[in-house]
Each structure stands twice: as structure tokens, then as C-alpha cells.
PDB file of N, CA and C in Angstrom:
ATOM      1  N   MET A   1      13.975  -0.126  21.058  1.00  0.00           N
ATOM      2  CA  MET A   1      13.539  -0.907  19.932  1.00  0.00           C
ATOM      3  C   MET A   1      12.467  -0.106  19.198  1.00  0.00           C
ATOM      4  N   GLU A   2      12.535  -0.158  17.873  1.00  0.00           N
ATOM      5  CA  GLU A   2      11.539   0.518  17.047  1.00  0.00           C
ATOM      6  C   GLU A   2      10.940  -0.468  16.055  1.00  0.00           C
ATOM      7  N   HIS A   3       9.745  -0.158  15.618  1.00  0.00           N
ATOM      8  CA  HIS A   3       9.080  -0.935  14.569  1.00  0.00           C
ATOM      9  C   HIS A   3       8.732   0.039  13.458  1.00  0.00           C
ATOM     10  N   SER A   4       9.147  -0.308  12.247  1.00  0.00           N
ATOM     11  CA  SER A   4       8.879   0.552  11.093  1.00  0.00           C
ATOM     12  C   SER A   4       8.544  -0.327   9.896  1.00  0.00           C
ATOM     13  N   GLY A   5       7.272  -0.359   9.514  1.00  0.00           N
ATOM     14  CA  GLY A   5       6.865  -1.195   8.385  1.00  0.00           C
ATOM     15  C   GLY A   5       7.162  -2.654   8.645  1.00  0.00           C
ATOM     16  N   ALA A   6       8.005  -3.254   7.824  1.00  0.00           N
ATOM     17  CA  ALA A   6       8.377  -4.661   7.969  1.00  0.00           C
ATOM     18  C   ALA A   6       9.714  -4.815   8.680  1.00  0.00           C
ATOM     19  N   ASP A   7      10.163  -3.785   9.391  1.00  0.00           N
ATOM     20  CA  ASP A   7      11.446  -3.817  10.102  1.00  0.00           C
ATOM     21  C   ASP A   7      11.251  -3.690  11.604  1.00  0.00           C
ATOM     22  N   ILE A   8      12.090  -4.394  12.338  1.00  0.00           N
ATOM     23  CA  ILE A   8      12.225  -4.191  13.784  1.00  0.00           C
ATOM     24  C   ILE A   8      13.683  -3.827  13.996  1.00  0.00           C
ATOM     25  N   ILE A   9      13.926  -2.665  14.599  1.00  0.00           N
ATOM     26  CA  ILE A   9      15.284  -2.173  14.806  1.00  0.00           C
ATOM     27  C   ILE A   9      15.580  -2.208  16.302  1.00  0.00           C
ATOM     28  N   VAL A  10      16.628  -2.936  16.656  1.00  0.00           N
ATOM     29  CA  VAL A  10      17.022  -3.058  18.063  1.00  0.00           C
ATOM     30  C   VAL A  10      18.370  -2.376  18.229  1.00  0.00           C
ATOM     31  N   THR A  11      18.445  -1.460  19.195  1.00  0.00           N
ATOM     32  CA  THR A  11      19.698  -0.774  19.512  1.00  0.00           C
ATOM     33  C   THR A  11      19.964  -0.897  21.009  1.00  0.00           C
ATOM     34  N   LEU A  12      21.225  -0.778  21.371  1.00  0.00           N
ATOM     35  CA  LEU A  12      21.595  -0.783  22.780  1.00  0.00           C
ATOM     36  C   LEU A  12      22.050   0.624  23.144  1.00  0.00           C
ATOM     37  N   PRO A  13      21.254   1.335  23.947  1.00  0.00           N
ATOM     38  CA  PRO A  13      21.613   2.709  24.329  1.00  0.00           C
ATOM     39  C   PRO A  13      23.010   2.786  24.935  1.00  0.00           C
ATOM     40  N   GLY A  14      23.727   3.827  24.588  1.00  0.00           N
ATOM     41  CA  GLY A  14      25.071   4.030  25.114  1.00  0.00           C
ATOM     42  C   GLY A  14      26.140   3.293  24.332  1.00  0.00           C
ATOM     43  N   THR A  15      25.731   2.592  23.267  1.00  0.00           N
ATOM     44  CA  THR A  15      26.680   1.869  22.434  1.00  0.00           C
ATOM     45  C   THR A  15      26.403   2.172  20.962  1.00  0.00           C
ATOM     46  N   SER A  16      27.232   1.623  20.111  1.00  0.00           N
ATOM     47  CA  SER A  16      27.023   1.737  18.664  1.00  0.00           C
ATOM     48  C   SER A  16      26.370   0.471  18.113  1.00  0.00           C
ATOM     49  N   PHE A  17      25.864  -0.385  18.983  1.00  0.00           N
ATOM     50  CA  PHE A  17      25.286  -1.652  18.572  1.00  0.00           C
ATOM     51  C   PHE A  17      23.861  -1.486  18.073  1.00  0.00           C
ATOM     52  N   SER A  18      23.584  -2.021  16.892  1.00  0.00           N
ATOM     53  CA  SER A  18      22.210  -2.077  16.394  1.00  0.00           C
ATOM     54  C   SER A  18      22.086  -3.224  15.405  1.00  0.00           C
ATOM     55  N   VAL A  19      20.874  -3.707  15.264  1.00  0.00           N
ATOM     56  CA  VAL A  19      20.563  -4.762  14.304  1.00  0.00           C
ATOM     57  C   VAL A  19      19.147  -4.522  13.799  1.00  0.00           C
ATOM     58  N   VAL A  20      18.954  -4.767  12.507  1.00  0.00           N
ATOM     59  CA  VAL A  20      17.645  -4.619  11.883  1.00  0.00           C
ATOM     60  C   VAL A  20      17.153  -6.005  11.493  1.00  0.00           C
ATOM     61  N   TYR A  21      15.955  -6.334  11.940  1.00  0.00           N
ATOM     62  CA  TYR A  21      15.314  -7.583  11.574  1.00  0.00           C
ATOM     63  C   TYR A  21      14.170  -7.265  10.621  1.00  0.00           C
ATOM     64  N   VAL A  22      13.980  -8.109   9.615  1.00  0.00           N
ATOM     65  CA  VAL A  22      12.890  -7.922   8.657  1.00  0.00           C
ATOM     66  C   VAL A  22      11.989  -9.149   8.660  1.00  0.00           C
ATOM     67  N   LYS A  23      10.740  -8.917   8.330  1.00  0.00           N
ATOM     68  CA  LYS A  23       9.767  -9.994   8.182  1.00  0.00           C
ATOM     69  C   LYS A  23       9.830 -10.468   6.734  1.00  0.00           C
ATOM     70  N   THR A  24      10.036 -11.757   6.540  1.00  0.00           N
ATOM     71  CA  THR A  24      10.100 -12.302   5.185  1.00  0.00           C
ATOM     72  C   THR A  24       8.686 -12.627   4.690  1.00  0.00           C
ATOM     73  N   ALA A  25       8.579 -12.952   3.414  1.00  0.00           N
ATOM     74  CA  ALA A  25       7.293 -13.269   2.813  1.00  0.00           C
ATOM     75  C   ALA A  25       6.642 -14.498   3.462  1.00  0.00           C
ATOM     76  N   ASN A  26       7.453 -15.401   3.987  1.00  0.00           N
ATOM     77  CA  ASN A  26       6.902 -16.591   4.639  1.00  0.00           C
ATOM     78  C   ASN A  26       6.888 -16.463   6.162  1.00  0.00           C
ATOM     79  N   ASN A  27       6.789 -15.215   6.642  1.00  0.00           N
ATOM     80  CA  ASN A  27       6.634 -14.893   8.066  1.00  0.00           C
ATOM     81  C   ASN A  27       7.760 -15.412   8.957  1.00  0.00           C
ATOM     82  N   LYS A  28       8.967 -15.230   8.512  1.00  0.00           N
ATOM     83  CA  LYS A  28      10.152 -15.527   9.324  1.00  0.00           C
ATOM     84  C   LYS A  28      10.809 -14.196   9.680  1.00  0.00           C
ATOM     85  N   LEU A  29      11.540 -14.185  10.759  1.00  0.00           N
ATOM     86  CA  LEU A  29      12.263 -12.998  11.203  1.00  0.00           C
ATOM     87  C   LEU A  29      13.742 -13.205  10.883  1.00  0.00           C
ATOM     88  N   VAL A  30      14.311 -12.307  10.061  1.00  0.00           N
ATOM     89  CA  VAL A  30      15.688 -12.456   9.596  1.00  0.00           C
ATOM     90  C   VAL A  30      16.452 -11.163   9.853  1.00  0.00           C
ATOM     91  N   ALA A  31      17.672 -11.287  10.384  1.00  0.00           N
ATOM     92  CA  ALA A  31      18.532 -10.114  10.569  1.00  0.00           C
ATOM     93  C   ALA A  31      19.029  -9.668   9.200  1.00  0.00           C
ATOM     94  N   SER A  32      18.865  -8.374   8.905  1.00  0.00           N
ATOM     95  CA  SER A  32      19.257  -7.883   7.581  1.00  0.00           C
ATOM     96  C   SER A  32      20.399  -6.876   7.618  1.00  0.00           C
ATOM     97  N   ALA A  33      20.638  -6.256   8.761  1.00  0.00           N
ATOM     98  CA  ALA A  33      21.721  -5.269   8.858  1.00  0.00           C
ATOM     99  C   ALA A  33      22.237  -5.232  10.296  1.00  0.00           C
ATOM    100  N   PHE A  34      23.555  -5.069  10.416  1.00  0.00           N
ATOM    101  CA  PHE A  34      24.208  -5.008  11.720  1.00  0.00           C
ATOM    102  C   PHE A  34      25.068  -3.757  11.787  1.00  0.00           C
ATOM    103  N   SER A  35      25.258  -3.233  13.000  1.00  0.00           N
ATOM    104  CA  SER A  35      26.158  -2.104  13.175  1.00  0.00           C
ATOM    105  C   SER A  35      26.884  -2.238  14.506  1.00  0.00           C
ATOM    106  N   SER A  36      28.194  -2.097  14.444  1.00  0.00           N
ATOM    107  CA  SER A  36      29.024  -2.104  15.641  1.00  0.00           C
ATOM    108  C   SER A  36      30.327  -1.406  15.296  1.00  0.00           C
ATOM    109  N   ALA A  37      30.396  -0.115  15.570  1.00  0.00           N
ATOM    110  CA  ALA A  37      31.612   0.646  15.269  1.00  0.00           C
ATOM    111  C   ALA A  37      32.717   0.218  16.229  1.00  0.00           C
ATOM    112  N   ARG A  38      33.833  -0.201  15.687  1.00  0.00           N
ATOM    113  CA  ARG A  38      34.956  -0.626  16.521  1.00  0.00           C
ATOM    114  C   ARG A  38      35.780   0.577  16.968  1.00  0.00           C
ATOM    115  N   GLY A  39      36.368   0.437  18.115  1.00  0.00           N
ATOM    116  CA  GLY A  39      37.261   1.476  18.601  1.00  0.00           C
ATOM    117  C   GLY A  39      36.578   2.573  19.394  1.00  0.00           C
ATOM    118  N   LEU A  40      35.255   2.564  19.412  1.00  0.00           N
ATOM    119  CA  LEU A  40      34.536   3.570  20.189  1.00  0.00           C
ATOM    120  C   LEU A  40      34.389   3.075  21.625  1.00  0.00           C
ATOM    121  N   PRO A  41      34.536   3.953  22.594  1.00  0.00           N
ATOM    122  CA  PRO A  41      34.332   3.524  23.980  1.00  0.00           C
ATOM    123  C   PRO A  41      32.861   3.194  24.204  1.00  0.00           C
ATOM    124  N   GLU A  42      32.590   2.041  24.718  1.00  0.00           N
ATOM    125  CA  GLU A  42      31.219   1.622  24.967  1.00  0.00           C
ATOM    126  C   GLU A  42      30.888   1.818  26.447  1.00  0.00           C
ATOM    127  N   LYS A  43      29.693   2.323  26.711  1.00  0.00           N
ATOM    128  CA  LYS A  43      29.246   2.568  28.073  1.00  0.00           C
ATOM    129  C   LYS A  43      28.974   1.249  28.802  1.00  0.00           C
ATOM    130  N   HIS A  44      28.446   0.280  28.084  1.00  0.00           N
ATOM    131  CA  HIS A  44      28.091  -1.000  28.675  1.00  0.00           C
ATOM    132  C   HIS A  44      29.184  -2.030  28.414  1.00  0.00           C
ATOM    133  N   LYS A  45      29.373  -2.911  29.341  1.00  0.00           N
ATOM    134  CA  LYS A  45      30.358  -3.984  29.184  1.00  0.00           C
ATOM    135  C   LYS A  45      29.646  -5.223  28.633  1.00  0.00           C
ATOM    136  N   ILE A  46      29.381  -5.205  27.350  1.00  0.00           N
ATOM    137  CA  ILE A  46      28.706  -6.314  26.691  1.00  0.00           C
ATOM    138  C   ILE A  46      29.339  -6.483  25.315  1.00  0.00           C
ATOM    139  N   SER A  47      29.532  -7.718  24.914  1.00  0.00           N
ATOM    140  CA  SER A  47      30.107  -7.953  23.589  1.00  0.00           C
ATOM    141  C   SER A  47      29.006  -7.849  22.535  1.00  0.00           C
ATOM    142  N   PHE A  48      29.414  -7.662  21.291  1.00  0.00           N
ATOM    143  CA  PHE A  48      28.434  -7.584  20.214  1.00  0.00           C
ATOM    144  C   PHE A  48      27.701  -8.915  20.095  1.00  0.00           C
ATOM    145  N   ARG A  49      28.387 -10.019  20.312  1.00  0.00           N
ATOM    146  CA  ARG A  49      27.768 -11.339  20.275  1.00  0.00           C
ATOM    147  C   ARG A  49      26.674 -11.445  21.344  1.00  0.00           C
ATOM    148  N   GLN A  50      26.947 -10.967  22.557  1.00  0.00           N
ATOM    149  CA  GLN A  50      25.947 -10.985  23.623  1.00  0.00           C
ATOM    150  C   GLN A  50      24.763 -10.093  23.260  1.00  0.00           C
ATOM    151  N   PHE A  51      25.062  -8.921  22.684  1.00  0.00           N
ATOM    152  CA  PHE A  51      24.001  -8.018  22.256  1.00  0.00           C
ATOM    153  C   PHE A  51      23.094  -8.706  21.237  1.00  0.00           C
ATOM    154  N   LEU A  52      23.680  -9.407  20.261  1.00  0.00           N
ATOM    155  CA  LEU A  52      22.877 -10.065  19.229  1.00  0.00           C
ATOM    156  C   LEU A  52      21.940 -11.108  19.831  1.00  0.00           C
ATOM    157  N   ALA A  53      22.405 -11.831  20.827  1.00  0.00           N
ATOM    158  CA  ALA A  53      21.552 -12.824  21.490  1.00  0.00           C
ATOM    159  C   ALA A  53      20.372 -12.144  22.182  1.00  0.00           C
ATOM    160  N   LEU A  54      20.639 -11.063  22.888  1.00  0.00           N
ATOM    161  CA  LEU A  54      19.577 -10.324  23.567  1.00  0.00           C
ATOM    162  C   LEU A  54      18.637  -9.653  22.557  1.00  0.00           C
ATOM    163  N   ALA A  55      19.205  -9.121  21.481  1.00  0.00           N
ATOM    164  CA  ALA A  55      18.409  -8.441  20.457  1.00  0.00           C
ATOM    165  C   ALA A  55      17.461  -9.422  19.785  1.00  0.00           C
ATOM    166  N   TRP A  56      17.940 -10.643  19.504  1.00  0.00           N
ATOM    167  CA  TRP A  56      17.103 -11.650  18.878  1.00  0.00           C
ATOM    168  C   TRP A  56      15.890 -11.963  19.761  1.00  0.00           C
ATOM    169  N   THR A  57      16.116 -12.112  21.057  1.00  0.00           N
ATOM    170  CA  THR A  57      15.031 -12.393  21.995  1.00  0.00           C
ATOM    171  C   THR A  57      14.015 -11.254  21.997  1.00  0.00           C
ATOM    172  N   ALA A  58      14.503 -10.012  22.051  1.00  0.00           N
ATOM    173  CA  ALA A  58      13.615  -8.846  22.059  1.00  0.00           C
ATOM    174  C   ALA A  58      12.849  -8.716  20.745  1.00  0.00           C
ATOM    175  N   ALA A  59      13.531  -8.917  19.628  1.00  0.00           N
ATOM    176  CA  ALA A  59      12.879  -8.802  18.318  1.00  0.00           C
ATOM    177  C   ALA A  59      11.840  -9.904  18.137  1.00  0.00           C
ATOM    178  N   ASN A  60      12.146 -11.102  18.597  1.00  0.00           N
ATOM    179  CA  ASN A  60      11.202 -12.208  18.516  1.00  0.00           C
ATOM    180  C   ASN A  60       9.927 -11.891  19.303  1.00  0.00           C
ATOM    181  N   ALA A  61      10.102 -11.352  20.510  1.00  0.00           N
ATOM    182  CA  ALA A  61       8.948 -10.984  21.335  1.00  0.00           C
ATOM    183  C   ALA A  61       8.115  -9.905  20.643  1.00  0.00           C
ATOM    184  N   LYS A  62       8.772  -8.920  20.054  1.00  0.00           N
ATOM    185  CA  LYS A  62       8.057  -7.854  19.350  1.00  0.00           C
ATOM    186  C   LYS A  62       7.324  -8.407  18.132  1.00  0.00           C
ATOM    187  N   ALA A  63       7.962  -9.311  17.387  1.00  0.00           N
ATOM    188  CA  ALA A  63       7.334  -9.913  16.212  1.00  0.00           C
ATOM    189  C   ALA A  63       6.083 -10.706  16.612  1.00  0.00           C
ATOM    190  N   ARG A  64       6.149 -11.399  17.727  1.00  0.00           N
ATOM    191  CA  ARG A  64       4.967 -12.125  18.217  1.00  0.00           C
ATOM    192  C   ARG A  64       3.864 -11.142  18.605  1.00  0.00           C
ATOM    193  N   GLU A  65       4.252 -10.063  19.277  1.00  0.00           N
ATOM    194  CA  GLU A  65       3.289  -9.037  19.679  1.00  0.00           C
ATOM    195  C   GLU A  65       2.588  -8.429  18.457  1.00  0.00           C
ATOM    196  N   LEU A  66       3.338  -8.254  17.372  1.00  0.00           N
ATOM    197  CA  LEU A  66       2.798  -7.682  16.145  1.00  0.00           C
ATOM    198  C   LEU A  66       2.018  -8.704  15.314  1.00  0.00           C
ATOM    199  N   GLY A  67       2.080  -9.976  15.708  1.00  0.00           N
ATOM    200  CA  GLY A  67       1.392 -11.032  14.976  1.00  0.00           C
ATOM    201  C   GLY A  67       2.139 -11.505  13.742  1.00  0.00           C
ATOM    202  N   TRP A  68       3.431 -11.173  13.640  1.00  0.00           N
ATOM    203  CA  TRP A  68       4.240 -11.592  12.499  1.00  0.00           C
ATOM    204  C   TRP A  68       4.521 -13.091  12.543  1.00  0.00           C
ATOM    205  N   ILE A  69       4.764 -13.612  13.742  1.00  0.00           N
ATOM    206  CA  ILE A  69       5.087 -15.023  13.912  1.00  0.00           C
ATOM    207  C   ILE A  69       4.223 -15.586  15.035  1.00  0.00           C
ATOM    208  N   ALA A  70       4.045 -16.884  15.015  1.00  0.00           N
ATOM    209  CA  ALA A  70       3.198 -17.534  16.034  1.00  0.00           C
ATOM    210  C   ALA A  70       4.021 -17.991  17.205  1.00  0.00           C
TER     211      ALA A  70
END
């Protein structure tokens, strides 16, 4: 996971899965970009839907750590 300005980028190593979350003007966390290349062999046995659920939890924790959300 990386933090860059108003973005939190969550990726799953060994896969093509990534999602970018942005902080809105009213301090909400919103997913703004997704990536999941189809047809590539994935190292991990996880669906993109499962990844998004885990990514949301991780991004939320990071946003709280950064003081973006309460």
C-alpha cells in the first residue's frame, strides 16, 4: 500500500489487482480507479471481489492513521 498526496493505492503482490482511493473534499474515502488484467496467471487464489473487500479495509485503516477520517 502506498500513500501519495490525496491518494491511497492498494495492490496485491503477485497479481495485477490494484485500486486507488481518494480523499474527497468532505473527508470521505472513495475508490477512483481499479485494475485487474484478465487472462494473466495470478499467484494468489483470490477473486477481484475479495481483493476489493480487503483493500477497502486496509485503505480505511490507512485513512484513519493519516487523520483523513474519524
